[in-house]
């Protein structure tokens, strides 16, 4: 999928994540998390896997995590990207 416009999904509540995606010439991922020290490698792995499954190769992905489980994070990323790819 191609990110055509800025879009977001999620909330800033506990055990959730806010994902904002926007067009970019390169693929950039920024992570802010309350559990970054312990779980950044797992969060980054889930983001990478989800982007690969959706065939996203460019875009700026911003993730603000508040302890979301991996399936919730994947769902938020997929929703934001689907919204951003619509015309």
Protein backbone atom coordinates (compact mmCIF):
# COMPACT_ATOMS: atom_id res chain seq x y z
CA UNK A 1 0.00 0.00 0.00
CA UNK A 2 1.06 3.53 -0.61
CA UNK A 3 0.54 6.23 2.01
CA UNK A 4 -1.12 9.10 0.15
CA UNK A 5 -2.14 11.41 3.00
CA UNK A 6 -1.80 11.87 6.75
CA UNK A 7 -4.01 9.60 8.84
CA UNK A 8 -4.20 8.26 12.38
CA UNK A 9 -5.72 5.48 14.45
CA UNK A 10 -5.93 4.70 18.15
CA UNK A 11 -6.11 6.57 21.43
CA UNK A 12 -3.72 7.73 24.13
CA UNK A 13 -5.47 5.67 26.80
CA UNK A 14 -3.66 3.07 28.87
CA UNK A 15 -3.06 -0.25 27.06
CA UNK A 16 -3.55 1.38 23.65
CA UNK A 17 -1.46 3.17 21.05
CA UNK A 18 -1.83 6.17 18.76
CA UNK A 19 -0.42 5.68 15.28
CA UNK A 20 0.05 8.58 12.86
CA UNK A 21 1.23 7.95 9.31
CA UNK A 22 2.10 10.46 6.61
CA UNK A 23 3.70 10.40 3.18
CA UNK A 24 7.49 10.46 2.92
CA UNK A 25 10.11 9.56 0.31
CA UNK A 26 11.72 7.07 2.71
CA UNK A 27 10.46 4.75 5.42
CA UNK A 28 10.92 6.29 8.87
CA UNK A 29 9.58 4.85 12.12
CA UNK A 30 9.46 6.87 15.36
CA UNK A 31 8.50 5.17 18.62
CA UNK A 32 7.46 6.80 21.87
CA UNK A 33 6.48 4.36 24.60
CA UNK A 34 6.00 4.16 28.33
CA UNK A 35 7.69 0.76 28.15
CA UNK A 36 10.35 1.64 25.56
CA UNK A 37 13.33 0.54 27.66
CA UNK A 38 11.95 -2.95 28.16
CA UNK A 39 10.06 -3.59 24.92
CA UNK A 40 11.31 -1.32 22.12
CA UNK A 41 12.80 -4.27 20.21
CA UNK A 42 9.46 -6.12 20.30
CA UNK A 43 7.45 -3.01 19.37
CA UNK A 44 9.80 -2.29 16.46
CA UNK A 45 9.62 -5.93 15.31
CA UNK A 46 5.78 -5.84 15.29
CA UNK A 47 5.77 -2.55 13.37
CA UNK A 48 8.24 -3.91 10.81
CA UNK A 49 6.28 -7.15 10.37
CA UNK A 50 2.99 -5.29 9.90
CA UNK A 51 4.52 -2.87 7.37
CA UNK A 52 5.99 -5.80 5.42
CA UNK A 53 2.64 -7.62 5.39
CA UNK A 54 0.94 -4.47 4.07
CA UNK A 55 3.77 -3.92 1.55
CA UNK A 56 4.51 -0.42 2.83
CA UNK A 57 7.94 0.76 1.69
CA UNK A 58 7.75 4.53 2.24
CA UNK A 59 6.15 6.81 4.79
CA UNK A 60 6.68 8.36 8.19
CA UNK A 61 5.19 6.16 10.92
CA UNK A 62 4.83 7.66 14.42
CA UNK A 63 3.79 5.33 17.21
CA UNK A 64 2.90 6.59 20.69
CA UNK A 65 2.49 3.43 22.74
CA UNK A 66 0.87 3.22 26.17
CA UNK A 67 1.41 -0.48 26.77
CA UNK A 68 -0.64 -1.85 23.87
CA UNK A 69 -0.48 -5.57 23.21
CA UNK A 70 1.09 -6.63 19.92
CA UNK A 71 -2.20 -7.44 18.17
CA UNK A 72 -3.63 -4.04 19.16
CA UNK A 73 -0.53 -2.30 17.84
CA UNK A 74 -0.77 -4.20 14.54
CA UNK A 75 -4.47 -3.31 14.22
CA UNK A 76 -3.80 0.40 14.84
CA UNK A 77 -1.00 0.43 12.25
CA UNK A 78 -3.14 -1.36 9.67
CA UNK A 79 -6.10 0.97 10.25
CA UNK A 80 -3.97 4.12 9.96
CA UNK A 81 -2.33 2.89 6.76
CA UNK A 82 -5.65 1.86 5.21
CA UNK A 83 -7.05 5.31 5.99
CA UNK A 84 -3.96 6.98 4.53
CA UNK A 85 -4.07 4.98 1.32
CA UNK A 86 -7.68 5.89 0.46
CA UNK A 87 -8.26 8.58 -2.08
